[in-house]
C-alpha cells in the first residue's frame, strides 16, 4: 500500500495502463547480468548447497520459468516508467 501512495496516478487511472498498446519507456539501473544458461538455471534448485543460496536460486528459477531468461540478459531495477 505504501508504494501505491508514491505513484502519480490515482487508483482509477492505474487499471487504464493494463493491456494498453501505448509505447512504454523504462528508465532504470542494471542490477545484474545473467551469467549462466537456462539449463543451469533449471538445475539450481536440485543442487542447493546451503541456505544462503536458496532465495537467489529460487528467484532466478522463477524468472526463468516466467520469462525464459538466457545468458547475457540484464535484470533491471526500474526507476521511472514513461508512457507515450
C-alpha atoms as a PDB file:
ATOM      1  CA  UNK A   1       0.000   0.000   0.000  1.00  0.00           C
ATOM      2  CA  UNK A   2       2.880   2.369   0.764  1.00  0.00           C
ATOM      3  CA  UNK A   3       4.283   2.089  -2.784  1.00  0.00           C
ATOM      4  CA  UNK A   4       0.913   2.968  -4.323  1.00  0.00           C
ATOM      5  CA  UNK A   5       0.865   6.235  -2.354  1.00  0.00           C
ATOM      6  CA  UNK A   6       4.091   7.295  -4.098  1.00  0.00           C
ATOM      7  CA  UNK A   7       2.638   6.855  -7.590  1.00  0.00           C
ATOM      8  CA  UNK A   8       1.425   9.843  -9.551  1.00  0.00           C
ATOM      9  CA  UNK A   9      -1.617   8.004 -10.854  1.00  0.00           C
ATOM     10  CA  UNK A  10      -4.824   7.518  -8.915  1.00  0.00           C
ATOM     11  CA  UNK A  11      -6.421   4.135  -8.232  1.00  0.00           C
ATOM     12  CA  UNK A  12      -8.868   4.725 -11.077  1.00  0.00           C
ATOM     13  CA  UNK A  13      -6.056   5.579 -13.535  1.00  0.00           C
ATOM     14  CA  UNK A  14      -3.872   2.548 -12.756  1.00  0.00           C
ATOM     15  CA  UNK A  15      -6.156  -0.052 -14.453  1.00  0.00           C
ATOM     16  CA  UNK A  16      -6.093   2.045 -17.641  1.00  0.00           C
ATOM     17  CA  UNK A  17      -2.407   1.214 -18.241  1.00  0.00           C
ATOM     18  CA  UNK A  18      -3.115  -2.545 -18.214  1.00  0.00           C
ATOM     19  CA  UNK A  19      -3.322  -4.107 -21.678  1.00  0.00           C
ATOM     20  CA  UNK A  20      -2.569  -0.836 -23.424  1.00  0.00           C
ATOM     21  CA  UNK A  21      -0.845  -0.541 -26.798  1.00  0.00           C
ATOM     22  CA  UNK A  22       0.985   2.655 -25.888  1.00  0.00           C
ATOM     23  CA  UNK A  23       4.773   2.792 -26.144  1.00  0.00           C
ATOM     24  CA  UNK A  24       6.486   2.445 -22.782  1.00  0.00           C
ATOM     25  CA  UNK A  25       9.973   3.708 -21.945  1.00  0.00           C
ATOM     26  CA  UNK A  26      11.659   2.415 -18.801  1.00  0.00           C
ATOM     27  CA  UNK A  27      14.492   4.344 -17.201  1.00  0.00           C
ATOM     28  CA  UNK A  28      16.341   2.032 -14.862  1.00  0.00           C
ATOM     29  CA  UNK A  29      19.551   0.652 -13.466  1.00  0.00           C
ATOM     30  CA  UNK A  30      21.087  -2.721 -14.346  1.00  0.00           C
ATOM     31  CA  UNK A  31      21.070  -4.792 -11.157  1.00  0.00           C
ATOM     32  CA  UNK A  32      22.768  -7.879 -12.571  1.00  0.00           C
ATOM     33  CA  UNK A  33      23.620  -9.746 -15.744  1.00  0.00           C
ATOM     34  CA  UNK A  34      22.663 -13.417 -16.079  1.00  0.00           C
ATOM     35  CA  UNK A  35      25.899 -15.365 -16.423  1.00  0.00           C
ATOM     36  CA  UNK A  36      24.572 -18.928 -16.664  1.00  0.00           C
ATOM     37  CA  UNK A  37      22.482 -20.620 -19.344  1.00  0.00           C
ATOM     38  CA  UNK A  38      18.878 -21.783 -18.927  1.00  0.00           C
ATOM     39  CA  UNK A  39      19.796 -25.450 -18.365  1.00  0.00           C
ATOM     40  CA  UNK A  40      21.991 -24.485 -15.416  1.00  0.00           C
ATOM     41  CA  UNK A  41      19.156 -22.336 -14.060  1.00  0.00           C
ATOM     42  CA  UNK A  42      16.828 -25.346 -14.178  1.00  0.00           C
ATOM     43  CA  UNK A  43      19.351 -27.372 -12.159  1.00  0.00           C
ATOM     44  CA  UNK A  44      19.892 -24.703  -9.465  1.00  0.00           C
ATOM     45  CA  UNK A  45      17.188 -25.888  -7.079  1.00  0.00           C
ATOM     46  CA  UNK A  46      18.247 -29.518  -7.411  1.00  0.00           C
ATOM     47  CA  UNK A  47      21.715 -28.801  -6.017  1.00  0.00           C
ATOM     48  CA  UNK A  48      21.209 -26.347  -3.162  1.00  0.00           C
ATOM     49  CA  UNK A  49      24.495 -26.297  -1.292  1.00  0.00           C
ATOM     50  CA  UNK A  50      23.399 -24.010   1.519  1.00  0.00           C
ATOM     51  CA  UNK A  51      20.614 -21.875   2.873  1.00  0.00           C
ATOM     52  CA  UNK A  52      22.389 -18.674   1.752  1.00  0.00           C
ATOM     53  CA  UNK A  53      21.893 -19.681  -1.899  1.00  0.00           C
ATOM     54  CA  UNK A  54      18.254 -20.685  -1.594  1.00  0.00           C
ATOM     55  CA  UNK A  55      16.492 -17.339  -2.233  1.00  0.00           C
ATOM     56  CA  UNK A  56      18.709 -16.121  -5.109  1.00  0.00           C
ATOM     57  CA  UNK A  57      18.408 -19.516  -6.791  1.00  0.00           C
ATOM     58  CA  UNK A  58      14.643 -19.591  -6.282  1.00  0.00           C
ATOM     59  CA  UNK A  59      14.284 -16.081  -7.711  1.00  0.00           C
ATOM     60  CA  UNK A  60      16.372 -16.897 -10.766  1.00  0.00           C
ATOM     61  CA  UNK A  61      14.456 -20.141 -11.341  1.00  0.00           C
ATOM     62  CA  UNK A  62      11.123 -18.323 -11.100  1.00  0.00           C
ATOM     63  CA  UNK A  63      12.268 -15.639 -13.565  1.00  0.00           C
ATOM     64  CA  UNK A  64      13.417 -18.359 -15.951  1.00  0.00           C
ATOM     65  CA  UNK A  65      10.060 -20.156 -15.730  1.00  0.00           C
ATOM     66  CA  UNK A  66       8.121 -16.947 -16.385  1.00  0.00           C
ATOM     67  CA  UNK A  67      10.296 -15.182 -18.952  1.00  0.00           C
ATOM     68  CA  UNK A  68      12.759 -17.788 -20.298  1.00  0.00           C
ATOM     69  CA  UNK A  69      15.826 -15.711 -19.457  1.00  0.00           C
ATOM     70  CA  UNK A  70      19.084 -16.525 -21.192  1.00  0.00           C
ATOM     71  CA  UNK A  71      22.755 -15.975 -20.591  1.00  0.00           C
ATOM     72  CA  UNK A  72      23.602 -12.300 -21.086  1.00  0.00           C
ATOM     73  CA  UNK A  73      20.128 -10.961 -20.176  1.00  0.00           C
ATOM     74  CA  UNK A  74      20.136  -7.968 -17.880  1.00  0.00           C
ATOM     75  CA  UNK A  75      17.929  -7.703 -14.813  1.00  0.00           C
ATOM     76  CA  UNK A  76      16.887  -4.054 -14.490  1.00  0.00           C
ATOM     77  CA  UNK A  77      15.561  -2.181 -11.480  1.00  0.00           C
ATOM     78  CA  UNK A  78      13.127   0.383 -12.899  1.00  0.00           C
ATOM     79  CA  UNK A  79      13.433   3.964 -11.656  1.00  0.00           C
ATOM     80  CA  UNK A  80      10.835   5.628 -13.868  1.00  0.00           C
ATOM     81  CA  UNK A  81       8.295   4.462 -16.452  1.00  0.00           C
ATOM     82  CA  UNK A  82       7.037   6.811 -19.177  1.00  0.00           C
ATOM     83  CA  UNK A  83       4.050   6.169 -21.414  1.00  0.00           C
ATOM     84  CA  UNK A  84       3.693   7.927 -24.781  1.00  0.00           C
END
